Amino acid sequence: MIKYTKAKVLKIAEQQDKTLKKLKSYKINVAKFMRDAIAEKLQREHQDLIPKPKKQYCPFSNNTIEI
């Protein structure tokens, strides 16, 4: 079992709060729901989060020859 040791405080809008309370009334674990949503978002945008190496060109080649 995973032990969660870090805590983050999130500010959410009133409508989001109402939605999360509605989920809780349906017996859905809201904390797990939020963790899963964050994990899914990070996985989906993983490629965008990794910095891409910049291509370097030779300054004397009018930026046509890659180093």
N, C-alpha and C. Protein backbone atom coordinates (compact mmCIF):
# COMPACT_ATOMS: atom_id res chain seq x y z
N MET A 1 0.84 -1.18 0.00
CA MET A 1 0.00 0.00 0.00
C MET A 1 0.89 1.24 0.00
N ILE A 2 0.49 2.23 -0.77
CA ILE A 2 1.25 3.46 -0.89
C ILE A 2 0.95 4.35 0.31
N LYS A 3 2.02 4.90 0.89
CA LYS A 3 1.83 5.86 1.98
C LYS A 3 2.03 7.26 1.41
N TYR A 4 1.04 8.08 1.62
CA TYR A 4 1.11 9.46 1.15
C TYR A 4 1.70 10.31 2.25
N THR A 5 2.82 10.98 1.94
CA THR A 5 3.51 11.75 2.96
C THR A 5 3.50 13.25 2.69
N LYS A 6 3.12 13.64 1.50
CA LYS A 6 3.11 15.06 1.14
C LYS A 6 1.68 15.56 1.04
N ALA A 7 1.48 16.80 1.42
CA ALA A 7 0.14 17.39 1.36
C ALA A 7 0.20 18.67 0.54
N LYS A 8 -0.82 18.88 -0.27
CA LYS A 8 -0.97 20.11 -1.05
C LYS A 8 -2.34 20.69 -0.74
N VAL A 9 -2.41 21.99 -0.68
CA VAL A 9 -3.68 22.66 -0.44
C VAL A 9 -4.12 23.25 -1.78
N LEU A 10 -5.34 22.93 -2.17
CA LEU A 10 -5.88 23.41 -3.44
C LEU A 10 -7.03 24.37 -3.18
N LYS A 11 -7.07 25.42 -3.96
CA LYS A 11 -8.22 26.32 -3.91
C LYS A 11 -9.08 25.97 -5.13
N ILE A 12 -10.36 25.74 -4.87
CA ILE A 12 -11.27 25.39 -5.95
C ILE A 12 -12.46 26.34 -5.94
N ALA A 13 -13.13 26.38 -7.06
CA ALA A 13 -14.30 27.24 -7.20
C ALA A 13 -15.49 26.63 -6.46
N GLU A 14 -16.49 27.44 -6.24
CA GLU A 14 -17.70 26.99 -5.53
C GLU A 14 -18.37 25.84 -6.26
N GLN A 15 -18.46 25.94 -7.59
CA GLN A 15 -19.09 24.88 -8.38
C GLN A 15 -18.31 23.57 -8.27
N GLN A 16 -16.98 23.65 -8.28
CA GLN A 16 -16.16 22.44 -8.12
C GLN A 16 -16.37 21.83 -6.75
N ASP A 17 -16.51 22.65 -5.73
CA ASP A 17 -16.76 22.15 -4.38
C ASP A 17 -18.09 21.41 -4.32
N LYS A 18 -19.10 21.97 -4.95
CA LYS A 18 -20.41 21.32 -4.98
C LYS A 18 -20.33 19.97 -5.70
N THR A 19 -19.57 19.94 -6.79
CA THR A 19 -19.42 18.70 -7.55
C THR A 19 -18.72 17.63 -6.73
N LEU A 20 -17.68 18.03 -6.00
CA LEU A 20 -16.95 17.06 -5.17
C LEU A 20 -17.83 16.57 -4.02
N LYS A 21 -18.66 17.44 -3.47
CA LYS A 21 -19.58 17.01 -2.42
C LYS A 21 -20.62 16.03 -2.97
N LYS A 22 -21.05 16.26 -4.21
CA LYS A 22 -22.00 15.36 -4.86
C LYS A 22 -21.35 13.98 -5.06
N LEU A 23 -20.07 13.98 -5.49
CA LEU A 23 -19.36 12.71 -5.64
C LEU A 23 -19.26 11.97 -4.31
N LYS A 24 -18.98 12.74 -3.25
CA LYS A 24 -18.88 12.13 -1.93
C LYS A 24 -20.21 11.53 -1.50
N SER A 25 -21.31 12.18 -1.86
CA SER A 25 -22.63 11.65 -1.51
C SER A 25 -22.90 10.34 -2.25
N TYR A 26 -22.24 10.13 -3.39
CA TYR A 26 -22.36 8.87 -4.14
C TYR A 26 -21.37 7.82 -3.65
N LYS A 27 -20.73 8.09 -2.51
CA LYS A 27 -19.77 7.19 -1.87
C LYS A 27 -18.51 6.99 -2.72
N ILE A 28 -18.09 8.05 -3.39
CA ILE A 28 -16.85 8.02 -4.16
C ILE A 28 -15.77 8.68 -3.31
N ASN A 29 -14.62 8.02 -3.20
CA ASN A 29 -13.50 8.56 -2.44
C ASN A 29 -12.94 9.76 -3.20
N VAL A 30 -13.20 10.95 -2.71
CA VAL A 30 -12.83 12.18 -3.41
C VAL A 30 -11.31 12.33 -3.50
N ALA A 31 -10.59 11.99 -2.44
CA ALA A 31 -9.13 12.12 -2.45
C ALA A 31 -8.53 11.20 -3.53
N LYS A 32 -9.01 9.98 -3.60
CA LYS A 32 -8.51 9.04 -4.62
C LYS A 32 -8.89 9.54 -6.01
N PHE A 33 -10.11 10.06 -6.14
CA PHE A 33 -10.57 10.60 -7.42
C PHE A 33 -9.64 11.72 -7.89
N MET A 34 -9.27 12.62 -6.98
CA MET A 34 -8.40 13.74 -7.34
C MET A 34 -6.99 13.26 -7.67
N ARG A 35 -6.48 12.30 -6.89
CA ARG A 35 -5.14 11.76 -7.18
C ARG A 35 -5.12 11.09 -8.55
N ASP A 36 -6.16 10.32 -8.87
CA ASP A 36 -6.24 9.65 -10.17
C ASP A 36 -6.34 10.66 -11.31
N ALA A 37 -7.10 11.73 -11.09
CA ALA A 37 -7.25 12.76 -12.12
C ALA A 37 -5.92 13.47 -12.39
N ILE A 38 -5.18 13.75 -11.33
CA ILE A 38 -3.88 14.41 -11.49
C ILE A 38 -2.91 13.48 -12.19
N ALA A 39 -2.89 12.21 -11.81
CA ALA A 39 -2.00 11.23 -12.44
C ALA A 39 -2.32 11.08 -13.92
N GLU A 40 -3.62 11.05 -14.26
CA GLU A 40 -4.03 10.93 -15.65
C GLU A 40 -3.59 12.16 -16.45
N LYS A 41 -3.76 13.33 -15.87
CA LYS A 41 -3.36 14.57 -16.55
C LYS A 41 -1.85 14.61 -16.78
N LEU A 42 -1.07 14.22 -15.78
CA LEU A 42 0.38 14.21 -15.93
C LEU A 42 0.83 13.20 -16.98
N GLN A 43 0.19 12.04 -17.00
CA GLN A 43 0.54 11.03 -17.99
C GLN A 43 0.21 11.51 -19.40
N ARG A 44 -0.94 12.15 -19.55
CA ARG A 44 -1.37 12.63 -20.86
C ARG A 44 -0.46 13.73 -21.39
N GLU A 45 0.02 14.60 -20.50
CA GLU A 45 0.83 15.74 -20.94
C GLU A 45 2.31 15.56 -20.63
N HIS A 46 2.72 14.33 -20.42
CA HIS A 46 4.11 14.04 -20.06
C HIS A 46 5.09 14.58 -21.10
N GLN A 47 4.78 14.39 -22.38
CA GLN A 47 5.69 14.83 -23.43
C GLN A 47 5.84 16.35 -23.45
N ASP A 48 4.80 17.07 -23.10
CA ASP A 48 4.87 18.53 -23.09
C ASP A 48 5.67 19.05 -21.91
N LEU A 49 5.77 18.26 -20.84
CA LEU A 49 6.47 18.71 -19.63
C LEU A 49 7.98 18.52 -19.71
N ILE A 50 8.43 17.60 -20.57
CA ILE A 50 9.86 17.35 -20.72
C ILE A 50 10.46 18.44 -21.60
N PRO A 51 11.51 19.12 -21.12
CA PRO A 51 12.11 20.16 -21.96
C PRO A 51 12.76 19.56 -23.20
N LYS A 52 12.48 20.16 -24.33
CA LYS A 52 13.02 19.67 -25.60
C LYS A 52 14.38 20.33 -25.85
N PRO A 53 15.36 19.54 -26.29
CA PRO A 53 16.67 20.14 -26.57
C PRO A 53 16.58 21.09 -27.77
N LYS A 54 17.24 22.22 -27.63
CA LYS A 54 17.25 23.18 -28.72
C LYS A 54 18.29 22.76 -29.75
N LYS A 55 17.94 22.91 -30.99
CA LYS A 55 18.89 22.62 -32.05
C LYS A 55 19.87 23.78 -32.15
N GLN A 56 21.13 23.44 -32.25
CA GLN A 56 22.16 24.48 -32.39
C GLN A 56 22.68 24.45 -33.82
N TYR A 57 22.76 25.61 -34.39
CA TYR A 57 23.23 25.73 -35.76
C TYR A 57 24.55 26.49 -35.78
N CYS A 58 25.33 26.19 -36.80
CA CYS A 58 26.61 26.88 -37.00
C CYS A 58 26.31 28.33 -37.38
N PRO A 59 26.90 29.29 -36.65
CA PRO A 59 26.59 30.70 -36.93
C PRO A 59 27.12 31.18 -38.28
N PHE A 60 28.08 30.46 -38.84
CA PHE A 60 28.67 30.89 -40.11
C PHE A 60 27.99 30.26 -41.31
N SER A 61 26.99 29.42 -41.10
CA SER A 61 26.34 28.72 -42.20
C SER A 61 24.96 29.30 -42.51
N ASN A 62 24.67 30.48 -41.97
CA ASN A 62 23.36 31.10 -42.17
C ASN A 62 22.25 30.22 -41.58
N ASN A 63 22.58 29.59 -40.45
CA ASN A 63 21.65 28.72 -39.72
C ASN A 63 21.10 27.57 -40.57
N THR A 64 21.95 26.97 -41.39
CA THR A 64 21.51 25.83 -42.20
C THR A 64 22.19 24.54 -41.78
N ILE A 65 23.36 24.61 -41.13
CA ILE A 65 24.08 23.40 -40.71
C ILE A 65 23.90 23.22 -39.23
N GLU A 66 23.38 22.04 -38.86
CA GLU A 66 23.14 21.74 -37.45
C GLU A 66 24.43 21.21 -36.83
N ILE A 67 24.70 21.65 -35.62
CA ILE A 67 25.92 21.21 -34.90
C ILE A 67 25.64 19.90 -34.22
